[in-house]
Amino acid sequence: MTLEAIRYRRGQLDILDQLLLPSQSIYISVSDTKDAWDAIKKMQVRGAPAIAIVGCLSLAVELIDTDFTNTDDVASYVASKLQYLVSARPTAVNMKEAADRYTSLVKKITLENSASVESVKKR
């Protein structure tokens, strides 16, 4: 049996609880950034790259069902949630780098003439 540390399909994120390895292989559902923050803080996900992936994917899952009035609201929300995720493990360099990169990217996307709330959320 091959274990996948992270399972993602649009709108669904599950992570292998690394605290239970090697005796058990149990997946935890991550439905929003709070779930990801908790998993990162409890060290249920480990390794700087995995932490960044789980953090960013949790935000993607959360954005699907979140409503916004304009693109600036999306950008502000994304920036806030990414900084929140960084606070779970401030020494996880990849999460901080991803937060900075995606905050900058979403701000750039909102400046595009064709940007809509839905297009920003999807990108």
PDB file of N, CA and C in Angstrom:
ATOM      1  N   MET A   1       0.837  -1.175   0.000  1.00  0.00           N
ATOM      2  CA  MET A   1       0.000   0.000   0.000  1.00  0.00           C
ATOM      3  C   MET A   1       0.891   1.250   0.000  1.00  0.00           C
ATOM      4  N   THR A   2       0.577   2.174  -0.868  1.00  0.00           N
ATOM      5  CA  THR A   2       1.294   3.439  -0.942  1.00  0.00           C
ATOM      6  C   THR A   2       0.514   4.498  -0.169  1.00  0.00           C
ATOM      7  N   LEU A   3       1.205   5.220   0.697  1.00  0.00           N
ATOM      8  CA  LEU A   3       0.563   6.290   1.451  1.00  0.00           C
ATOM      9  C   LEU A   3       0.784   7.614   0.743  1.00  0.00           C
ATOM     10  N   GLU A   4      -0.238   8.423   0.717  1.00  0.00           N
ATOM     11  CA  GLU A   4      -0.147   9.779   0.201  1.00  0.00           C
ATOM     12  C   GLU A   4      -0.257  10.706   1.408  1.00  0.00           C
ATOM     13  N   ALA A   5       0.711  11.545   1.615  1.00  0.00           N
ATOM     14  CA  ALA A   5       0.676  12.457   2.756  1.00  0.00           C
ATOM     15  C   ALA A   5      -0.430  13.497   2.603  1.00  0.00           C
ATOM     16  N   ILE A   6      -0.712  13.892   1.352  1.00  0.00           N
ATOM     17  CA  ILE A   6      -1.711  14.925   1.064  1.00  0.00           C
ATOM     18  C   ILE A   6      -2.591  14.442  -0.083  1.00  0.00           C
ATOM     19  N   ARG A   7      -3.895  14.472   0.146  1.00  0.00           N
ATOM     20  CA  ARG A   7      -4.860  14.132  -0.913  1.00  0.00           C
ATOM     21  C   ARG A   7      -5.709  15.372  -1.178  1.00  0.00           C
ATOM     22  N   TYR A   8      -5.722  15.788  -2.436  1.00  0.00           N
ATOM     23  CA  TYR A   8      -6.497  16.982  -2.786  1.00  0.00           C
ATOM     24  C   TYR A   8      -7.270  16.761  -4.072  1.00  0.00           C
ATOM     25  N   ARG A   9      -8.522  17.126  -4.021  1.00  0.00           N
ATOM     26  CA  ARG A   9      -9.375  17.271  -5.188  1.00  0.00           C
ATOM     27  C   ARG A   9     -10.107  18.579  -4.977  1.00  0.00           C
ATOM     28  N   ARG A  10     -10.398  19.300  -6.038  1.00  0.00           N
ATOM     29  CA  ARG A  10     -11.034  20.622  -5.893  1.00  0.00           C
ATOM     30  C   ARG A  10     -12.137  20.569  -4.837  1.00  0.00           C
ATOM     31  N   GLY A  11     -11.950  21.366  -3.800  1.00  0.00           N
ATOM     32  CA  GLY A  11     -12.938  21.447  -2.738  1.00  0.00           C
ATOM     33  C   GLY A  11     -12.769  20.448  -1.612  1.00  0.00           C
ATOM     34  N   GLN A  12     -11.770  19.573  -1.707  1.00  0.00           N
ATOM     35  CA  GLN A  12     -11.578  18.550  -0.676  1.00  0.00           C
ATOM     36  C   GLN A  12     -10.096  18.323  -0.421  1.00  0.00           C
ATOM     37  N   LEU A  13      -9.719  18.423   0.845  1.00  0.00           N
ATOM     38  CA  LEU A  13      -8.333  18.219   1.255  1.00  0.00           C
ATOM     39  C   LEU A  13      -8.298  17.268   2.445  1.00  0.00           C
ATOM     40  N   ASP A  14      -7.505  16.220   2.330  1.00  0.00           N
ATOM     41  CA  ASP A  14      -7.288  15.272   3.417  1.00  0.00           C
ATOM     42  C   ASP A  14      -5.786  15.108   3.595  1.00  0.00           C
ATOM     43  N   ILE A  15      -5.368  15.031   4.853  1.00  0.00           N
ATOM     44  CA  ILE A  15      -3.940  14.842   5.127  1.00  0.00           C
ATOM     45  C   ILE A  15      -3.743  13.622   6.022  1.00  0.00           C
ATOM     46  N   LEU A  16      -2.640  12.961   5.814  1.00  0.00           N
ATOM     47  CA  LEU A  16      -2.258  11.823   6.639  1.00  0.00           C
ATOM     48  C   LEU A  16      -1.781  12.356   7.989  1.00  0.00           C
ATOM     49  N   ASP A  17      -2.397  11.875   9.072  1.00  0.00           N
ATOM     50  CA  ASP A  17      -2.004  12.316  10.408  1.00  0.00           C
ATOM     51  C   ASP A  17      -0.651  11.701  10.744  1.00  0.00           C
ATOM     52  N   GLN A  18       0.392  12.503  10.632  1.00  0.00           N
ATOM     53  CA  GLN A  18       1.745  12.000  10.816  1.00  0.00           C
ATOM     54  C   GLN A  18       2.080  11.688  12.274  1.00  0.00           C
ATOM     55  N   LEU A  19       1.247  12.141  13.196  1.00  0.00           N
ATOM     56  CA  LEU A  19       1.470  11.797  14.600  1.00  0.00           C
ATOM     57  C   LEU A  19       1.185  10.323  14.878  1.00  0.00           C
ATOM     58  N   LEU A  20       0.368   9.715  14.031  1.00  0.00           N
ATOM     59  CA  LEU A  20      -0.034   8.327  14.254  1.00  0.00           C
ATOM     60  C   LEU A  20       0.852   7.310  13.546  1.00  0.00           C
ATOM     61  N   LEU A  21       1.740   7.800  12.691  1.00  0.00           N
ATOM     62  CA  LEU A  21       2.631   6.894  11.968  1.00  0.00           C
ATOM     63  C   LEU A  21       3.680   6.328  12.917  1.00  0.00           C
ATOM     64  N   PRO A  22       4.151   5.150  12.765  1.00  0.00           N
ATOM     65  CA  PRO A  22       3.843   4.176  11.713  1.00  0.00           C
ATOM     66  C   PRO A  22       2.733   3.198  12.097  1.00  0.00           C
ATOM     67  N   SER A  23       2.191   3.318  13.295  1.00  0.00           N
ATOM     68  CA  SER A  23       1.231   2.307  13.749  1.00  0.00           C
ATOM     69  C   SER A  23      -0.143   2.425  13.096  1.00  0.00           C
ATOM     70  N   GLN A  24      -0.541   3.631  12.692  1.00  0.00           N
ATOM     71  CA  GLN A  24      -1.848   3.833  12.067  1.00  0.00           C
ATOM     72  C   GLN A  24      -1.721   4.772  10.875  1.00  0.00           C
ATOM     73  N   SER A  25      -2.581   4.562   9.893  1.00  0.00           N
ATOM     74  CA  SER A  25      -2.646   5.435   8.715  1.00  0.00           C
ATOM     75  C   SER A  25      -4.056   6.010   8.645  1.00  0.00           C
ATOM     76  N   ILE A  26      -4.226   7.170   9.262  1.00  0.00           N
ATOM     77  CA  ILE A  26      -5.538   7.800   9.330  1.00  0.00           C
ATOM     78  C   ILE A  26      -5.447   9.184   8.690  1.00  0.00           C
ATOM     79  N   TYR A  27      -6.456   9.481   7.853  1.00  0.00           N
ATOM     80  CA  TYR A  27      -6.507  10.776   7.183  1.00  0.00           C
ATOM     81  C   TYR A  27      -7.444  11.721   7.928  1.00  0.00           C
ATOM     82  N   ILE A  28      -7.056  12.978   7.954  1.00  0.00           N
ATOM     83  CA  ILE A  28      -7.834  14.035   8.584  1.00  0.00           C
ATOM     84  C   ILE A  28      -8.375  14.931   7.472  1.00  0.00           C
ATOM     85  N   SER A  29      -9.651  15.250   7.551  1.00  0.00           N
ATOM     86  CA  SER A  29     -10.252  16.176   6.602  1.00  0.00           C
ATOM     87  C   SER A  29      -9.911  17.605   7.008  1.00  0.00           C
ATOM     88  N   VAL A  30      -9.489  18.399   6.030  1.00  0.00           N
ATOM     89  CA  VAL A  30      -9.159  19.808   6.255  1.00  0.00           C
ATOM     90  C   VAL A  30     -10.131  20.627   5.400  1.00  0.00           C
ATOM     91  N   SER A  31     -11.083  21.283   6.077  1.00  0.00           N
ATOM     92  CA  SER A  31     -12.120  21.983   5.326  1.00  0.00           C
ATOM     93  C   SER A  31     -11.927  23.497   5.269  1.00  0.00           C
ATOM     94  N   ASP A  32     -10.954  24.000   6.043  1.00  0.00           N
ATOM     95  CA  ASP A  32     -10.706  25.443   6.023  1.00  0.00           C
ATOM     96  C   ASP A  32      -9.336  25.740   6.630  1.00  0.00           C
ATOM     97  N   THR A  33      -9.002  27.014   6.700  1.00  0.00           N
ATOM     98  CA  THR A  33      -7.687  27.384   7.206  1.00  0.00           C
ATOM     99  C   THR A  33      -7.547  27.126   8.705  1.00  0.00           C
ATOM    100  N   LYS A  34      -8.639  27.130   9.449  1.00  0.00           N
ATOM    101  CA  LYS A  34      -8.557  26.799  10.876  1.00  0.00           C
ATOM    102  C   LYS A  34      -8.142  25.347  11.062  1.00  0.00           C
ATOM    103  N   ASP A  35      -8.732  24.446  10.273  1.00  0.00           N
ATOM    104  CA  ASP A  35      -8.336  23.033  10.335  1.00  0.00           C
ATOM    105  C   ASP A  35      -6.859  22.872  10.000  1.00  0.00           C
ATOM    106  N   ALA A  36      -6.404  23.588   8.977  1.00  0.00           N
ATOM    107  CA  ALA A  36      -4.995  23.498   8.579  1.00  0.00           C
ATOM    108  C   ALA A  36      -4.096  24.072   9.668  1.00  0.00           C
ATOM    109  N   TRP A  37      -4.488  25.214  10.229  1.00  0.00           N
ATOM    110  CA  TRP A  37      -3.698  25.835  11.296  1.00  0.00           C
ATOM    111  C   TRP A  37      -3.536  24.844  12.448  1.00  0.00           C
ATOM    112  N   ASP A  38      -4.637  24.200  12.836  1.00  0.00           N
ATOM    113  CA  ASP A  38      -4.593  23.222  13.933  1.00  0.00           C
ATOM    114  C   ASP A  38      -3.669  22.054  13.599  1.00  0.00           C
ATOM    115  N   ALA A  39      -3.775  21.529  12.383  1.00  0.00           N
ATOM    116  CA  ALA A  39      -2.940  20.390  11.968  1.00  0.00           C
ATOM    117  C   ALA A  39      -1.462  20.770  11.931  1.00  0.00           C
ATOM    118  N   ILE A  40      -1.178  21.973  11.465  1.00  0.00           N
ATOM    119  CA  ILE A  40       0.209  22.448  11.416  1.00  0.00           C
ATOM    120  C   ILE A  40       0.736  22.646  12.836  1.00  0.00           C
ATOM    121  N   LYS A  41      -0.043  23.279  13.677  1.00  0.00           N
ATOM    122  CA  LYS A  41       0.375  23.561  15.052  1.00  0.00           C
ATOM    123  C   LYS A  41       0.605  22.261  15.842  1.00  0.00           C
ATOM    124  N   LYS A  42      -0.286  21.274  15.649  1.00  0.00           N
ATOM    125  CA  LYS A  42      -0.176  19.996  16.367  1.00  0.00           C
ATOM    126  C   LYS A  42       0.871  19.073  15.758  1.00  0.00           C
ATOM    127  N   MET A  43       1.448  19.504  14.643  1.00  0.00           N
ATOM    128  CA  MET A  43       2.445  18.724  13.900  1.00  0.00           C
ATOM    129  C   MET A  43       1.865  17.442  13.295  1.00  0.00           C
ATOM    130  N   GLN A  44       0.589  17.508  12.912  1.00  0.00           N
ATOM    131  CA  GLN A  44      -0.017  16.396  12.195  1.00  0.00           C
ATOM    132  C   GLN A  44       0.448  16.383  10.741  1.00  0.00           C
ATOM    133  N   VAL A  45       0.968  17.498  10.314  1.00  0.00           N
ATOM    134  CA  VAL A  45       1.641  17.600   9.021  1.00  0.00           C
ATOM    135  C   VAL A  45       3.032  18.144   9.325  1.00  0.00           C
ATOM    136  N   ARG A  46       4.040  17.536   8.709  1.00  0.00           N
ATOM    137  CA  ARG A  46       5.422  17.905   9.025  1.00  0.00           C
ATOM    138  C   ARG A  46       6.225  18.117   7.754  1.00  0.00           C
ATOM    139  N   GLY A  47       7.241  18.942   7.899  1.00  0.00           N
ATOM    140  CA  GLY A  47       8.121  19.250   6.780  1.00  0.00           C
ATOM    141  C   GLY A  47       7.690  20.547   6.145  1.00  0.00           C
ATOM    142  N   ALA A  48       8.623  21.452   5.955  1.00  0.00           N
ATOM    143  CA  ALA A  48       8.299  22.785   5.451  1.00  0.00           C
ATOM    144  C   ALA A  48       7.523  22.771   4.130  1.00  0.00           C
ATOM    145  N   PRO A  49       7.910  21.946   3.145  1.00  0.00           N
ATOM    146  CA  PRO A  49       7.129  21.941   1.903  1.00  0.00           C
ATOM    147  C   PRO A  49       5.691  21.459   2.113  1.00  0.00           C
ATOM    148  N   ALA A  50       5.514  20.417   2.909  1.00  0.00           N
ATOM    149  CA  ALA A  50       4.169  19.884   3.155  1.00  0.00           C
ATOM    150  C   ALA A  50       3.309  20.892   3.911  1.00  0.00           C
ATOM    151  N   ILE A  51       3.914  21.586   4.852  1.00  0.00           N
ATOM    152  CA  ILE A  51       3.176  22.610   5.602  1.00  0.00           C
ATOM    153  C   ILE A  51       2.664  23.693   4.655  1.00  0.00           C
ATOM    154  N   ALA A  52       3.507  24.150   3.760  1.00  0.00           N
ATOM    155  CA  ALA A  52       3.109  25.180   2.803  1.00  0.00           C
ATOM    156  C   ALA A  52       2.001  24.680   1.874  1.00  0.00           C
ATOM    157  N   ILE A  53       2.127  23.460   1.420  1.00  0.00           N
ATOM    158  CA  ILE A  53       1.112  22.893   0.514  1.00  0.00           C
ATOM    159  C   ILE A  53      -0.221  22.777   1.226  1.00  0.00           C
ATOM    160  N   VAL A  54      -0.220  22.224   2.425  1.00  0.00           N
ATOM    161  CA  VAL A  54      -1.462  22.074   3.183  1.00  0.00           C
ATOM    162  C   VAL A  54      -2.070  23.443   3.493  1.00  0.00           C
ATOM    163  N   GLY A  55      -1.240  24.386   3.905  1.00  0.00           N
ATOM    164  CA  GLY A  55      -1.749  25.728   4.181  1.00  0.00           C
ATOM    165  C   GLY A  55      -2.425  26.354   2.981  1.00  0.00           C
ATOM    166  N   CYS A  56      -1.737  26.346   1.859  1.00  0.00           N
ATOM    167  CA  CYS A  56      -2.287  26.976   0.647  1.00  0.00           C
ATOM    168  C   CYS A  56      -3.516  26.234   0.116  1.00  0.00           C
ATOM    169  N   LEU A  57      -3.486  24.920   0.148  1.00  0.00           N
ATOM    170  CA  LEU A  57      -4.649  24.154  -0.328  1.00  0.00           C
ATOM    171  C   LEU A  57      -5.854  24.334   0.596  1.00  0.00           C
ATOM    172  N   SER A  58      -5.611  24.493   1.893  1.00  0.00           N
ATOM    173  CA  SER A  58      -6.736  24.726   2.806  1.00  0.00           C
ATOM    174  C   SER A  58      -7.436  26.043   2.465  1.00  0.00           C
ATOM    175  N   LEU A  59      -6.653  27.035   2.082  1.00  0.00           N
ATOM    176  CA  LEU A  59      -7.230  28.311   1.671  1.00  0.00           C
ATOM    177  C   LEU A  59      -8.027  28.145   0.377  1.00  0.00           C
ATOM    178  N   ALA A  60      -7.500  27.361  -0.548  1.00  0.00           N
ATOM    179  CA  ALA A  60      -8.224  27.106  -1.801  1.00  0.00           C
ATOM    180  C   ALA A  60      -9.574  26.447  -1.521  1.00  0.00           C
ATOM    181  N   VAL A  61      -9.585  25.487  -0.605  1.00  0.00           N
ATOM    182  CA  VAL A  61     -10.840  24.813  -0.234  1.00  0.00           C
ATOM    183  C   VAL A  61     -11.812  25.823   0.384  1.00  0.00           C
ATOM    184  N   GLU A  62     -11.304  26.650   1.270  1.00  0.00           N
ATOM    185  CA  GLU A  62     -12.139  27.633   1.963  1.00  0.00           C
ATOM    186  C   GLU A  62     -12.718  28.675   1.004  1.00  0.00           C
ATOM    187  N   LEU A  63     -11.925  29.089   0.023  1.00  0.00           N
ATOM    188  CA  LEU A  63     -12.381  30.134  -0.906  1.00  0.00           C
ATOM    189  C   LEU A  63     -13.572  29.704  -1.749  1.00  0.00           C
ATOM    190  N   ILE A  64     -13.700  28.426  -2.027  1.00  0.00           N
ATOM    191  CA  ILE A  64     -14.779  27.945  -2.891  1.00  0.00           C
ATOM    192  C   ILE A  64     -16.148  28.381  -2.382  1.00  0.00           C
ATOM    193  N   ASP A  65     -16.366  28.264  -1.078  1.00  0.00           N
ATOM    194  CA  ASP A  65     -17.687  28.562  -0.516  1.00  0.00           C
ATOM    195  C   ASP A  65     -17.764  29.910   0.195  1.00  0.00           C
ATOM    196  N   THR A  66     -16.770  30.757   0.000  1.00  0.00           N
ATOM    197  CA  THR A  66     -16.781  32.071   0.638  1.00  0.00           C
ATOM    198  C   THR A  66     -17.211  33.123  -0.374  1.00  0.00           C
ATOM    199  N   ASP A  67     -18.140  33.971   0.027  1.00  0.00           N
ATOM    200  CA  ASP A  67     -18.652  35.025  -0.851  1.00  0.00           C
ATOM    201  C   ASP A  67     -17.948  36.350  -0.570  1.00  0.00           C
ATOM    202  N   PHE A  68     -17.707  37.083  -1.631  1.00  0.00           N
ATOM    203  CA  PHE A  68     -17.056  38.385  -1.530  1.00  0.00           C
ATOM    204  C   PHE A  68     -17.823  39.383  -2.387  1.00  0.00           C
ATOM    205  N   THR A  69     -17.737  40.666  -2.020  1.00  0.00           N
ATOM    206  CA  THR A  69     -18.429  41.689  -2.802  1.00  0.00           C
ATOM    207  C   THR A  69     -17.579  42.237  -3.934  1.00  0.00           C
ATOM    208  N   ASN A  70     -16.233  42.166  -3.765  1.00  0.00           N
ATOM    209  CA  ASN A  70     -15.362  42.669  -4.826  1.00  0.00           C
ATOM    210  C   ASN A  70     -13.987  42.010  -4.733  1.00  0.00           C
ATOM    211  N   THR A  71     -13.168  42.249  -5.718  1.00  0.00           N
ATOM    212  CA  THR A  71     -11.858  41.595  -5.787  1.00  0.00           C
ATOM    213  C   THR A  71     -10.913  42.065  -4.689  1.00  0.00           C
ATOM    214  N   ASP A  72     -11.051  43.313  -4.261  1.00  0.00           N
ATOM    215  CA  ASP A  72     -10.202  43.793  -3.163  1.00  0.00           C
ATOM    216  C   ASP A  72     -10.485  43.023  -1.873  1.00  0.00           C
ATOM    217  N   ASP A  73     -11.754  42.667  -1.677  1.00  0.00           N
ATOM    218  CA  ASP A  73     -12.108  41.860  -0.505  1.00  0.00           C
ATOM    219  C   ASP A  73     -11.452  40.485  -0.572  1.00  0.00           C
ATOM    220  N   VAL A  74     -11.406  39.903  -1.761  1.00  0.00           N
ATOM    221  CA  VAL A  74     -10.749  38.599  -1.932  1.00  0.00           C
ATOM    222  C   VAL A  74      -9.266  38.732  -1.580  1.00  0.00           C
ATOM    223  N   ALA A  75      -8.613  39.739  -2.116  1.00  0.00           N
ATOM    224  CA  ALA A  75      -7.177  39.934  -1.873  1.00  0.00           C
ATOM    225  C   ALA A  75      -6.889  40.136  -0.393  1.00  0.00           C
ATOM    226  N   SER A  76      -7.691  40.932   0.264  1.00  0.00           N
ATOM    227  CA  SER A  76      -7.510  41.187   1.692  1.00  0.00           C
ATOM    228  C   SER A  76      -7.718  39.912   2.507  1.00  0.00           C
ATOM    229  N   TYR A  77      -8.736  39.150   2.154  1.00  0.00           N
ATOM    230  CA  TYR A  77      -9.049  37.895   2.837  1.00  0.00           C
ATOM    231  C   TYR A  77      -7.908  36.892   2.674  1.00  0.00           C
ATOM    232  N   VAL A  78      -7.423  36.747   1.453  1.00  0.00           N
ATOM    233  CA  VAL A  78      -6.322  35.822   1.168  1.00  0.00           C
ATOM    234  C   VAL A  78      -5.083  36.211   1.978  1.00  0.00           C
ATOM    235  N   ALA A  79      -4.729  37.483   1.966  1.00  0.00           N
ATOM    236  CA  ALA A  79      -3.550  37.943   2.700  1.00  0.00           C
ATOM    237  C   ALA A  79      -3.696  37.668   4.192  1.00  0.00           C
ATOM    238  N   SER A  80      -4.864  37.942   4.727  1.00  0.00           N
ATOM    239  CA  SER A  80      -5.111  37.727   6.155  1.00  0.00           C
ATOM    240  C   SER A  80      -5.023  36.247   6.530  1.00  0.00           C
ATOM    241  N   LYS A  81      -5.646  35.399   5.732  1.00  0.00           N
ATOM    242  CA  LYS A  81      -5.640  33.961   6.018  1.00  0.00           C
ATOM    243  C   LYS A  81      -4.241  33.365   5.871  1.00  0.00           C
ATOM    244  N   LEU A  82      -3.479  33.833   4.907  1.00  0.00           N
ATOM    245  CA  LEU A  82      -2.115  33.326   4.747  1.00  0.00           C
ATOM    246  C   LEU A  82      -1.236  33.710   5.931  1.00  0.00           C
ATOM    247  N   GLN A  83      -1.382  34.933   6.423  1.00  0.00           N
ATOM    248  CA  GLN A  83      -0.610  35.332   7.605  1.00  0.00           C
ATOM    249  C   GLN A  83      -1.037  34.539   8.837  1.00  0.00           C
ATOM    250  N   TYR A  84      -2.317  34.249   8.938  1.00  0.00           N
ATOM    251  CA  TYR A  84      -2.824  33.402  10.015  1.00  0.00           C
ATOM    252  C   TYR A  84      -2.163  32.023   9.959  1.00  0.00           C
ATOM    253  N   LEU A  85      -2.069  31.454   8.774  1.00  0.00           N
ATOM    254  CA  LEU A  85      -1.441  30.132   8.616  1.00  0.00           C
ATOM    255  C   LEU A  85       0.037  30.171   8.987  1.00  0.00           C
ATOM    256  N   VAL A  86       0.723  31.231   8.638  1.00  0.00           N
ATOM    257  CA  VAL A  86       2.140  31.372   8.999  1.00  0.00           C
ATOM    258  C   VAL A  86       2.296  31.342  10.521  1.00  0.00           C
ATOM    259  N   SER A  87       1.331  31.890  11.233  1.00  0.00           N
ATOM    260  CA  SER A  87       1.431  31.959  12.696  1.00  0.00           C
ATOM    261  C   SER A  87       1.369  30.580  13.373  1.00  0.00           C
ATOM    262  N   ALA A  88       0.909  29.574  12.669  1.00  0.00           N
ATOM    263  CA  ALA A  88       0.847  28.221  13.241  1.00  0.00           C
ATOM    264  C   ALA A  88       2.243  27.669  13.491  1.00  0.00           C
ATOM    265  N   ARG A  89       3.154  27.961  12.597  1.00  0.00           N
ATOM    266  CA  ARG A  89       4.546  27.524  12.767  1.00  0.00           C
ATOM    267  C   ARG A  89       5.432  28.552  12.068  1.00  0.00           C
ATOM    268  N   PRO A  90       5.731  29.651  12.750  1.00  0.00           N
ATOM    269  CA  PRO A  90       6.481  30.754  12.136  1.00  0.00           C
ATOM    270  C   PRO A  90       7.846  30.363  11.574  1.00  0.00           C
ATOM    271  N   THR A  91       8.426  29.275  12.055  1.00  0.00           N
ATOM    272  CA  THR A  91       9.742  28.863  11.560  1.00  0.00           C
ATOM    273  C   THR A  91       9.659  28.037  10.281  1.00  0.00           C
ATOM    274  N   ALA A  92       8.447  27.718   9.821  1.00  0.00           N
ATOM    275  CA  ALA A  92       8.279  26.958   8.579  1.00  0.00           C
ATOM    276  C   ALA A  92       8.486  27.914   7.400  1.00  0.00           C
ATOM    277  N   VAL A  93       9.696  27.932   6.908  1.00  0.00           N
ATOM    278  CA  VAL A  93      10.109  28.908   5.897  1.00  0.00           C
ATOM    279  C   VAL A  93       9.241  28.845   4.638  1.00  0.00           C
ATOM    280  N   ASN A  94       8.921  27.665   4.184  1.00  0.00           N
ATOM    281  CA  ASN A  94       8.161  27.538   2.937  1.00  0.00           C
ATOM    282  C   ASN A  94       6.763  28.147   3.050  1.00  0.00           C
ATOM    283  N   MET A  95       6.135  28.053   4.221  1.00  0.00           N
ATOM    284  CA  MET A  95       4.810  28.639   4.404  1.00  0.00           C
ATOM    285  C   MET A  95       4.894  30.153   4.325  1.00  0.00           C
ATOM    286  N   LYS A  96       5.896  30.726   4.943  1.00  0.00           N
ATOM    287  CA  LYS A  96       6.086  32.187   4.891  1.00  0.00           C
ATOM    288  C   LYS A  96       6.361  32.647   3.463  1.00  0.00           C
ATOM    289  N   GLU A  97       7.221  31.922   2.754  1.00  0.00           N
ATOM    290  CA  GLU A  97       7.517  32.276   1.363  1.00  0.00           C
ATOM    291  C   GLU A  97       6.271  32.150   0.488  1.00  0.00           C
ATOM    292  N   ALA A  98       5.500  31.083   0.682  1.00  0.00           N
ATOM    293  CA  ALA A  98       4.272  30.895  -0.100  1.00  0.00           C
ATOM    294  C   ALA A  98       3.270  32.003   0.216  1.00  0.00           C
ATOM    295  N   ALA A  99       3.149  32.362   1.487  1.00  0.00           N
ATOM    296  CA  ALA A  99       2.232  33.434   1.880  1.00  0.00           C
ATOM    297  C   ALA A  99       2.612  34.745   1.204  1.00  0.00           C
ATOM    298  N   ASP A 100       3.877  35.070   1.223  1.00  0.00           N
ATOM    299  CA  ASP A 100       4.336  36.309   0.577  1.00  0.00           C
ATOM    300  C   ASP A 100       4.091  36.273  -0.932  1.00  0.00           C
ATOM    301  N   ARG A 101       4.420  35.147  -1.541  1.00  0.00           N
ATOM    302  CA  ARG A 101       4.278  34.997  -2.991  1.00  0.00           C
ATOM    303  C   ARG A 101       2.803  35.091  -3.410  1.00  0.00           C
ATOM    304  N   TYR A 102       1.923  34.386  -2.685  1.00  0.00           N
ATOM    305  CA  TYR A 102       0.508  34.374  -3.080  1.00  0.00           C
ATOM    306  C   TYR A 102      -0.206  35.661  -2.720  1.00  0.00           C
ATOM    307  N   THR A 103       0.216  36.318  -1.668  1.00  0.00           N
ATOM    308  CA  THR A 103      -0.354  37.629  -1.347  1.00  0.00           C
ATOM    309  C   THR A 103      -0.033  38.616  -2.467  1.00  0.00           C
ATOM    310  N   SER A 104       1.198  38.617  -2.918  1.00  0.00           N
ATOM    311  CA  SER A 104       1.606  39.486  -4.016  1.00  0.00           C
ATOM    312  C   SER A 104       0.863  39.132  -5.305  1.00  0.00           C
ATOM    313  N   LEU A 105       0.744  37.837  -5.573  1.00  0.00           N
ATOM    314  CA  LEU A 105       0.074  37.389  -6.791  1.00  0.00           C
ATOM    315  C   LEU A 105      -1.402  37.785  -6.812  1.00  0.00           C
ATOM    316  N   VAL A 106      -2.100  37.599  -5.713  1.00  0.00           N
ATOM    317  CA  VAL A 106      -3.525  37.928  -5.707  1.00  0.00           C
ATOM    318  C   VAL A 106      -3.733  39.435  -5.858  1.00  0.00           C
ATOM    319  N   LYS A 107      -2.844  40.232  -5.301  1.00  0.00           N
ATOM    320  CA  LYS A 107      -2.938  41.687  -5.493  1.00  0.00           C
ATOM    321  C   LYS A 107      -2.749  42.048  -6.966  1.00  0.00           C
ATOM    322  N   LYS A 108      -1.790  41.388  -7.605  1.00  0.00           N
ATOM    323  CA  LYS A 108      -1.536  41.630  -9.033  1.00  0.00           C
ATOM    324  C   LYS A 108      -2.744  41.214  -9.874  1.00  0.00           C
ATOM    325  N   ILE A 109      -3.327  40.074  -9.557  1.00  0.00           N
ATOM    326  CA  ILE A 109      -4.480  39.571 -10.313  1.00  0.00           C
ATOM    327  C   ILE A 109      -5.661  40.535 -10.201  1.00  0.00           C
ATOM    328  N   THR A 110      -5.870  41.100  -9.015  1.00  0.00           N
ATOM    329  CA  THR A 110      -7.011  42.008  -8.834  1.00  0.00           C
ATOM    330  C   THR A 110      -6.882  43.284  -9.660  1.00  0.00           C
ATOM    331  N   LEU A 111      -5.663  43.613 -10.086  1.00  0.00           N
ATOM    332  CA  LEU A 111      -5.452  44.812 -10.892  1.00  0.00           C
ATOM    333  C   LEU A 111      -5.755  44.590 -12.376  1.00  0.00           C
ATOM    334  N   GLU A 112      -5.905  43.327 -12.772  1.00  0.00           N
ATOM    335  CA  GLU A 112      -6.216  43.039 -14.173  1.00  0.00           C
ATOM    336  C   GLU A 112      -7.612  43.542 -14.502  1.00  0.00           C
ATOM    337  N   ASN A 113      -7.772  44.095 -15.695  1.00  0.00           N
ATOM    338  CA  ASN A 113      -9.070  44.655 -16.117  1.00  0.00           C
ATOM    339  C   ASN A 113     -10.185  43.623 -16.114  1.00  0.00           C
ATOM    340  N   SER A 114      -9.860  42.395 -16.442  1.00  0.00           N
ATOM    341  CA  SER A 114     -10.893  41.366 -16.556  1.00  0.00           C
ATOM    342  C   SER A 114     -11.162  40.649 -15.231  1.00  0.00           C
ATOM    343  N   ALA A 115     -10.506  41.060 -14.159  1.00  0.00           N
ATOM    344  CA  ALA A 115     -10.642  40.367 -12.881  1.00  0.00           C
ATOM    345  C   ALA A 115     -12.052  40.497 -12.314  1.00  0.00           C
ATOM    346  N   SER A 116     -12.602  39.356 -11.937  1.00  0.00           N
ATOM    347  CA  SER A 116     -13.874  39.309 -11.222  1.00  0.00           C
ATOM    348  C   SER A 116     -13.632  38.529  -9.941  1.00  0.00           C
ATOM    349  N   VAL A 117     -14.580  38.579  -9.037  1.00  0.00           N
ATOM    350  CA  VAL A 117     -14.431  37.835  -7.788  1.00  0.00           C
ATOM    351  C   VAL A 117     -14.191  36.358  -8.092  1.00  0.00           C
ATOM    352  N   GLU A 118     -14.978  35.791  -8.974  1.00  0.00           N
ATOM    353  CA  GLU A 118     -14.857  34.360  -9.280  1.00  0.00           C
ATOM    354  C   GLU A 118     -13.535  34.034  -9.969  1.00  0.00           C
ATOM    355  N   SER A 119     -13.087  34.895 -10.868  1.00  0.00           N
ATOM    356  CA  SER A 119     -11.823  34.606 -11.557  1.00  0.00           C
ATOM    357  C   SER A 119     -10.638  34.683 -10.587  1.00  0.00           C
ATOM    358  N   VAL A 120     -10.697  35.621  -9.655  1.00  0.00           N
ATOM    359  CA  VAL A 120      -9.619  35.725  -8.653  1.00  0.00           C
ATOM    360  C   VAL A 120      -9.643  34.501  -7.756  1.00  0.00           C
ATOM    361  N   LYS A 121     -10.818  34.075  -7.313  1.00  0.00           N
ATOM    362  CA  LYS A 121     -10.921  32.892  -6.456  1.00  0.00           C
ATOM    363  C   LYS A 121     -10.392  31.647  -7.156  1.00  0.00           C
ATOM    364  N   LYS A 122     -10.720  31.481  -8.429  1.00  0.00           N
ATOM    365  CA  LYS A 122     -10.280  30.292  -9.164  1.00  0.00           C
ATOM    366  C   LYS A 122      -8.779  30.288  -9.382  1.00  0.00           C
ATOM    367  N   ARG A 123      -8.208  31.426  -9.691  1.00  0.00           N
ATOM    368  CA  ARG A 123      -6.768  31.493  -9.941  1.00  0.00           C
ATOM    369  C   ARG A 123      -5.996  31.350  -8.665  1.00  0.00           C
TER     370      ARG A 123
END
